[in-house]
Amino acid sequence: MKLVIINYGAGNIKSIQFAFKRLGYNTILSNNPEEIKAADKVIFPGVGEASSAMKMLKESGLDELIPNLKQPVLGICLGMQLMCLHTEEGDTKGLGIFQTKVKRFSNNVKVPQMGWNVIKELKSNLFKDINENEYMYLVHSYYAEHCNETIAATDYEINYASALQHKNFYGTQFHPEKSSLAGEQILKNFLSIV
């Protein structure tokens, strides 16, 4: 299986590579459009700030490429947020794959939300063999609002969408690669999506 992690200068790529290696898969790190299009599965990671990440995507033409990919694509953390319509972080227009907006948590809670929290209301083959209220690892100051594409929810100050799906596009606000055995199962599920 050809697994490509989109390399656009935003993301803690190492932990994702190690997670797939533990599952027995090598990954290719690439920003080459032809190589990304030829992948069986694509991972769109992201750590950092939205507007500068979007700028890097635009400079390499990946902002045009990603929404047109036909194979399963998994956006993680900022990767998922950039797949939404808009994020308040840097007042940034997103890729518009998920029909929702990304807002900042208020100062009534500790920001960023950092550590373990549960996911619930699971709907999608991405969560096969995952229990309701399973703990996942999160680090984020911004969250996606609920929409028709919500496939998991989490409570932190409010109830928000911690995972999204539209056609072949999946997004998780949490880091499956840092979420122990349950996170590993989610990556396995992603790999088995046809």
C-alpha atoms as a PDB file:
ATOM      1  CA  MET A   1       0.000   0.000   0.000  1.00  0.00           C
ATOM      2  CA  LYS A   2       1.341   3.418  -0.930  1.00  0.00           C
ATOM      3  CA  LEU A   3       0.857   5.782   2.000  1.00  0.00           C
ATOM      4  CA  VAL A   4       1.744   9.426   1.447  1.00  0.00           C
ATOM      5  CA  ILE A   5       1.984  12.031   4.196  1.00  0.00           C
ATOM      6  CA  ILE A   6       1.579  15.501   2.717  1.00  0.00           C
ATOM      7  CA  ASN A   7       4.714  17.458   3.508  1.00  0.00           C
ATOM      8  CA  TYR A   8       4.006  21.181   3.520  1.00  0.00           C
ATOM      9  CA  GLY A   9       6.143  22.236   6.461  1.00  0.00           C
ATOM     10  CA  ALA A  10       3.380  22.043   9.084  1.00  0.00           C
ATOM     11  CA  GLY A  11       3.166  19.019  11.260  1.00  0.00           C
ATOM     12  CA  ASN A  12       4.733  16.652  13.697  1.00  0.00           C
ATOM     13  CA  ILE A  13       5.359  14.089  10.976  1.00  0.00           C
ATOM     14  CA  LYS A  14       7.673  11.794  12.937  1.00  0.00           C
ATOM     15  CA  SER A  15       5.026  10.496  15.349  1.00  0.00           C
ATOM     16  CA  ILE A  16       2.688   9.721  12.416  1.00  0.00           C
ATOM     17  CA  GLN A  17       5.468   7.877  10.572  1.00  0.00           C
ATOM     18  CA  PHE A  18       6.281   5.846  13.715  1.00  0.00           C
ATOM     19  CA  ALA A  19       2.596   4.989  14.248  1.00  0.00           C
ATOM     20  CA  PHE A  20       2.283   3.522  10.743  1.00  0.00           C
ATOM     21  CA  LYS A  21       5.647   1.781  11.090  1.00  0.00           C
ATOM     22  CA  ARG A  22       4.301   0.027  14.217  1.00  0.00           C
ATOM     23  CA  LEU A  23       1.428  -1.184  12.025  1.00  0.00           C
ATOM     24  CA  GLY A  24       3.951  -2.490   9.485  1.00  0.00           C
ATOM     25  CA  TYR A  25       3.634   0.261   6.858  1.00  0.00           C
ATOM     26  CA  ASN A  26       6.222   2.624   5.465  1.00  0.00           C
ATOM     27  CA  THR A  27       5.120   6.114   4.538  1.00  0.00           C
ATOM     28  CA  ILE A  28       6.345   8.518   1.876  1.00  0.00           C
ATOM     29  CA  LEU A  29       6.720  12.164   2.814  1.00  0.00           C
ATOM     30  CA  SER A  30       5.919  14.286  -0.227  1.00  0.00           C
ATOM     31  CA  ASN A  31       4.618  17.577  -1.582  1.00  0.00           C
ATOM     32  CA  ASN A  32       4.801  16.300  -5.168  1.00  0.00           C
ATOM     33  CA  PRO A  33       1.271  16.463  -6.675  1.00  0.00           C
ATOM     34  CA  GLU A  34       1.819  13.407  -8.914  1.00  0.00           C
ATOM     35  CA  GLU A  35       3.090  11.307  -6.029  1.00  0.00           C
ATOM     36  CA  ILE A  36       0.207  12.401  -3.787  1.00  0.00           C
ATOM     37  CA  LYS A  37      -2.355  11.627  -6.521  1.00  0.00           C
ATOM     38  CA  ALA A  38      -0.821   8.158  -7.016  1.00  0.00           C
ATOM     39  CA  ALA A  39      -1.116   7.239  -3.305  1.00  0.00           C
ATOM     40  CA  ASP A  40      -3.564   4.620  -2.030  1.00  0.00           C
ATOM     41  CA  LYS A  41      -4.121   6.658   1.125  1.00  0.00           C
ATOM     42  CA  VAL A  42      -3.173  10.235   2.000  1.00  0.00           C
ATOM     43  CA  ILE A  43      -2.482  11.699   5.458  1.00  0.00           C
ATOM     44  CA  PHE A  44      -2.829  15.475   5.841  1.00  0.00           C
ATOM     45  CA  PRO A  45      -1.175  16.369   9.169  1.00  0.00           C
ATOM     46  CA  GLY A  46      -0.911  19.733  10.824  1.00  0.00           C
ATOM     47  CA  VAL A  47       0.592  21.363  13.863  1.00  0.00           C
ATOM     48  CA  GLY A  48       1.084  25.095  14.080  1.00  0.00           C
ATOM     49  CA  GLU A  49      -0.796  28.164  12.939  1.00  0.00           C
ATOM     50  CA  ALA A  50      -3.578  28.077  10.324  1.00  0.00           C
ATOM     51  CA  SER A  51      -2.829  31.144   8.191  1.00  0.00           C
ATOM     52  CA  SER A  52       0.867  30.324   7.722  1.00  0.00           C
ATOM     53  CA  ALA A  53      -0.007  26.663   7.019  1.00  0.00           C
ATOM     54  CA  MET A  54      -2.549  27.739   4.377  1.00  0.00           C
ATOM     55  CA  LYS A  55       0.026  30.066   2.842  1.00  0.00           C
ATOM     56  CA  MET A  56       2.433  27.109   2.473  1.00  0.00           C
ATOM     57  CA  LEU A  57      -0.318  25.002   0.864  1.00  0.00           C
ATOM     58  CA  LYS A  58      -1.077  27.765  -1.641  1.00  0.00           C
ATOM     59  CA  GLU A  59       2.577  28.294  -2.534  1.00  0.00           C
ATOM     60  CA  SER A  60       2.883  24.633  -3.527  1.00  0.00           C
ATOM     61  CA  GLY A  61      -0.535  24.422  -5.233  1.00  0.00           C
ATOM     62  CA  LEU A  62      -1.674  21.825  -2.694  1.00  0.00           C
ATOM     63  CA  ASP A  63      -4.727  23.969  -1.828  1.00  0.00           C
ATOM     64  CA  GLU A  64      -6.082  23.087  -5.295  1.00  0.00           C
ATOM     65  CA  LEU A  65      -4.948  19.460  -5.236  1.00  0.00           C
ATOM     66  CA  ILE A  66      -6.213  18.252  -1.839  1.00  0.00           C
ATOM     67  CA  PRO A  67      -9.971  18.913  -2.305  1.00  0.00           C
ATOM     68  CA  ASN A  68      -9.864  16.979  -5.611  1.00  0.00           C
ATOM     69  CA  LEU A  69      -8.212  13.818  -4.280  1.00  0.00           C
ATOM     70  CA  LYS A  70     -10.250  10.648  -4.909  1.00  0.00           C
ATOM     71  CA  GLN A  71      -8.596   8.209  -2.478  1.00  0.00           C
ATOM     72  CA  PRO A  72      -9.207   8.166   1.310  1.00  0.00           C
ATOM     73  CA  VAL A  73      -7.639  11.251   2.945  1.00  0.00           C
ATOM     74  CA  LEU A  74      -7.165  11.666   6.707  1.00  0.00           C
ATOM     75  CA  GLY A  75      -6.676  15.173   8.093  1.00  0.00           C
ATOM     76  CA  ILE A  76      -5.263  15.286  11.615  1.00  0.00           C
ATOM     77  CA  CYS A  77      -5.601  18.246  14.034  1.00  0.00           C
ATOM     78  CA  LEU A  78      -4.810  21.429  12.062  1.00  0.00           C
ATOM     79  CA  GLY A  79      -5.043  19.291   8.912  1.00  0.00           C
ATOM     80  CA  MET A  80      -8.724  18.679   9.694  1.00  0.00           C
ATOM     81  CA  GLN A  81      -9.324  22.347  10.541  1.00  0.00           C
ATOM     82  CA  LEU A  82      -7.816  23.491   7.233  1.00  0.00           C
ATOM     83  CA  MET A  83     -10.297  21.192   5.448  1.00  0.00           C
ATOM     84  CA  CYS A  84     -13.179  23.287   6.870  1.00  0.00           C
ATOM     85  CA  LEU A  85     -14.695  26.439   5.320  1.00  0.00           C
ATOM     86  CA  HIS A  86     -12.975  28.976   7.557  1.00  0.00           C
ATOM     87  CA  THR A  87     -11.004  29.206  10.791  1.00  0.00           C
ATOM     88  CA  GLU A  88     -10.894  32.127  13.212  1.00  0.00           C
ATOM     89  CA  GLU A  89      -7.162  31.466  13.600  1.00  0.00           C
ATOM     90  CA  GLY A  90      -5.597  34.206  11.502  1.00  0.00           C
ATOM     91  CA  ASP A  91      -9.056  34.730   9.884  1.00  0.00           C
ATOM     92  CA  THR A  92      -8.169  32.009   7.375  1.00  0.00           C
ATOM     93  CA  LYS A  93     -10.251  30.654   4.514  1.00  0.00           C
ATOM     94  CA  GLY A  94     -10.048  26.863   4.472  1.00  0.00           C
ATOM     95  CA  LEU A  95     -10.209  24.240   1.717  1.00  0.00           C
ATOM     96  CA  GLY A  96     -14.008  23.993   2.023  1.00  0.00           C
ATOM     97  CA  ILE A  97     -14.212  20.188   2.110  1.00  0.00           C
ATOM     98  CA  PHE A  98     -16.147  20.110   5.395  1.00  0.00           C
ATOM     99  CA  GLN A  99     -19.104  22.489   5.573  1.00  0.00           C
ATOM    100  CA  THR A 100     -18.331  23.948   8.961  1.00  0.00           C
ATOM    101  CA  LYS A 101     -16.330  26.705  10.616  1.00  0.00           C
ATOM    102  CA  VAL A 102     -13.541  26.572  13.176  1.00  0.00           C
ATOM    103  CA  LYS A 103     -13.827  28.770  16.296  1.00  0.00           C
ATOM    104  CA  ARG A 104     -11.570  29.504  19.247  1.00  0.00           C
ATOM    105  CA  PHE A 105     -12.376  28.207  22.719  1.00  0.00           C
ATOM    106  CA  SER A 106     -13.261  31.071  25.072  1.00  0.00           C
ATOM    107  CA  ASN A 107     -10.983  32.131  27.900  1.00  0.00           C
ATOM    108  CA  ASN A 108     -13.377  30.479  30.391  1.00  0.00           C
ATOM    109  CA  VAL A 109     -11.382  27.269  29.914  1.00  0.00           C
ATOM    110  CA  LYS A 110      -7.692  26.457  29.782  1.00  0.00           C
ATOM    111  CA  VAL A 111      -6.515  27.014  26.192  1.00  0.00           C
ATOM    112  CA  PRO A 112      -5.150  24.982  24.509  1.00  0.00           C
ATOM    113  CA  GLN A 113      -7.107  21.909  25.540  1.00  0.00           C
ATOM    114  CA  MET A 114      -4.197  19.586  26.134  1.00  0.00           C
ATOM    115  CA  GLY A 115      -4.322  15.936  27.114  1.00  0.00           C
ATOM    116  CA  TRP A 116      -6.858  13.119  27.113  1.00  0.00           C
ATOM    117  CA  ASN A 117     -10.576  13.540  26.492  1.00  0.00           C
ATOM    118  CA  VAL A 118     -13.358  11.229  25.347  1.00  0.00           C
ATOM    119  CA  ILE A 119     -14.977  10.908  21.928  1.00  0.00           C
ATOM    120  CA  LYS A 120     -18.634   9.888  21.656  1.00  0.00           C
ATOM    121  CA  GLU A 121     -21.613   9.723  19.279  1.00  0.00           C
ATOM    122  CA  LEU A 122     -19.382   7.750  16.926  1.00  0.00           C
ATOM    123  CA  LYS A 123     -20.672   7.174  13.398  1.00  0.00           C
ATOM    124  CA  SER A 124     -18.409   5.966  10.619  1.00  0.00           C
ATOM    125  CA  ASN A 125     -16.366   2.940   9.611  1.00  0.00           C
ATOM    126  CA  LEU A 126     -13.405   4.970  10.907  1.00  0.00           C
ATOM    127  CA  PHE A 127     -14.544   3.969  14.430  1.00  0.00           C
ATOM    128  CA  LYS A 128     -15.019   0.246  13.862  1.00  0.00           C
ATOM    129  CA  ASP A 129     -14.182  -1.602  17.136  1.00  0.00           C
ATOM    130  CA  ILE A 130     -13.854   1.703  19.035  1.00  0.00           C
ATOM    131  CA  ASN A 131     -16.022   2.094  22.133  1.00  0.00           C
ATOM    132  CA  GLU A 132     -18.156   5.109  22.943  1.00  0.00           C
ATOM    133  CA  ASN A 133     -16.324   7.418  25.374  1.00  0.00           C
ATOM    134  CA  GLU A 134     -12.888   6.142  24.334  1.00  0.00           C
ATOM    135  CA  TYR A 135     -10.064   8.471  25.382  1.00  0.00           C
ATOM    136  CA  MET A 136      -8.055  10.275  22.698  1.00  0.00           C
ATOM    137  CA  TYR A 137      -5.130  12.684  22.936  1.00  0.00           C
ATOM    138  CA  LEU A 138      -5.798  16.319  21.965  1.00  0.00           C
ATOM    139  CA  VAL A 139      -3.832  19.576  21.790  1.00  0.00           C
ATOM    140  CA  HIS A 140      -5.820  22.477  20.321  1.00  0.00           C
ATOM    141  CA  SER A 141      -7.120  26.005  20.910  1.00  0.00           C
ATOM    142  CA  TYR A 142      -9.687  25.922  18.090  1.00  0.00           C
ATOM    143  CA  TYR A 143     -12.557  23.521  17.413  1.00  0.00           C
ATOM    144  CA  ALA A 144     -14.857  22.651  14.503  1.00  0.00           C
ATOM    145  CA  GLU A 145     -18.539  23.407  14.984  1.00  0.00           C
ATOM    146  CA  HIS A 146     -21.037  20.596  14.520  1.00  0.00           C
ATOM    147  CA  CYS A 147     -22.417  20.005  11.029  1.00  0.00           C
ATOM    148  CA  ASN A 148     -24.025  17.167   9.046  1.00  0.00           C
ATOM    149  CA  GLU A 149     -20.533  15.705   8.565  1.00  0.00           C
ATOM    150  CA  THR A 150     -19.794  15.257  12.288  1.00  0.00           C
ATOM    151  CA  ILE A 151     -18.836  11.637  13.036  1.00  0.00           C
ATOM    152  CA  ALA A 152     -17.593  12.098  16.640  1.00  0.00           C
ATOM    153  CA  ALA A 153     -18.183  14.647  19.387  1.00  0.00           C
ATOM    154  CA  THR A 154     -16.206  15.805  22.413  1.00  0.00           C
ATOM    155  CA  ASP A 155     -17.065  18.088  25.330  1.00  0.00           C
ATOM    156  CA  TYR A 156     -14.734  20.872  26.363  1.00  0.00           C
ATOM    157  CA  GLU A 157     -16.587  24.002  27.454  1.00  0.00           C
ATOM    158  CA  ILE A 158     -19.028  23.138  24.651  1.00  0.00           C
ATOM    159  CA  ASN A 159     -19.855  20.035  22.626  1.00  0.00           C
ATOM    160  CA  TYR A 160     -17.905  20.184  19.338  1.00  0.00           C
ATOM    161  CA  ALA A 161     -17.067  17.995  16.349  1.00  0.00           C
ATOM    162  CA  SER A 162     -13.935  15.990  17.132  1.00  0.00           C
ATOM    163  CA  ALA A 163     -14.139  14.071  13.836  1.00  0.00           C
ATOM    164  CA  LEU A 164     -15.658  14.800  10.430  1.00  0.00           C
ATOM    165  CA  GLN A 165     -16.295  12.871   7.237  1.00  0.00           C
ATOM    166  CA  HIS A 166     -17.322  13.955   3.758  1.00  0.00           C
ATOM    167  CA  LYS A 167     -17.170  11.262   1.064  1.00  0.00           C
ATOM    168  CA  ASN A 168     -13.515  10.062   0.958  1.00  0.00           C
ATOM    169  CA  PHE A 169     -12.326  12.783   3.352  1.00  0.00           C
ATOM    170  CA  TYR A 170     -11.936  12.116   7.075  1.00  0.00           C
ATOM    171  CA  GLY A 171     -10.711  14.457   9.772  1.00  0.00           C
ATOM    172  CA  THR A 172      -9.854  13.989  13.436  1.00  0.00           C
ATOM    173  CA  GLN A 173      -9.215  16.826  15.871  1.00  0.00           C
ATOM    174  CA  PHE A 174      -7.464  14.348  18.158  1.00  0.00           C
ATOM    175  CA  HIS A 175      -4.130  12.708  17.355  1.00  0.00           C
ATOM    176  CA  PRO A 176      -4.722   8.992  16.659  1.00  0.00           C
ATOM    177  CA  GLU A 177      -0.957   8.526  16.352  1.00  0.00           C
ATOM    178  CA  LYS A 178      -0.585   9.591  20.021  1.00  0.00           C
ATOM    179  CA  SER A 179      -3.742   7.910  21.327  1.00  0.00           C
ATOM    180  CA  SER A 180      -2.449   4.504  22.402  1.00  0.00           C
ATOM    181  CA  LEU A 181      -4.184   1.302  21.204  1.00  0.00           C
ATOM    182  CA  ALA A 182      -7.507   2.957  20.367  1.00  0.00           C
ATOM    183  CA  GLY A 183      -5.725   5.499  18.171  1.00  0.00           C
ATOM    184  CA  GLU A 184      -3.823   2.687  16.503  1.00  0.00           C
ATOM    185  CA  GLN A 185      -7.147   0.942  15.778  1.00  0.00           C
ATOM    186  CA  ILE A 186      -8.455   4.122  14.114  1.00  0.00           C
ATOM    187  CA  LEU A 187      -5.365   4.243  11.861  1.00  0.00           C
ATOM    188  CA  LYS A 188      -5.910   0.559  11.015  1.00  0.00           C
ATOM    189  CA  ASN A 189      -9.559   1.309  10.191  1.00  0.00           C
ATOM    190  CA  PHE A 190      -8.466   4.168   7.942  1.00  0.00           C
ATOM    191  CA  LEU A 191      -6.054   1.864   6.117  1.00  0.00           C
ATOM    192  CA  SER A 192      -8.825  -0.683   5.498  1.00  0.00           C
ATOM    193  CA  ILE A 193     -11.219   1.869   3.943  1.00  0.00           C
ATOM    194  CA  VAL A 194     -11.743   1.063   0.285  1.00  0.00           C
END
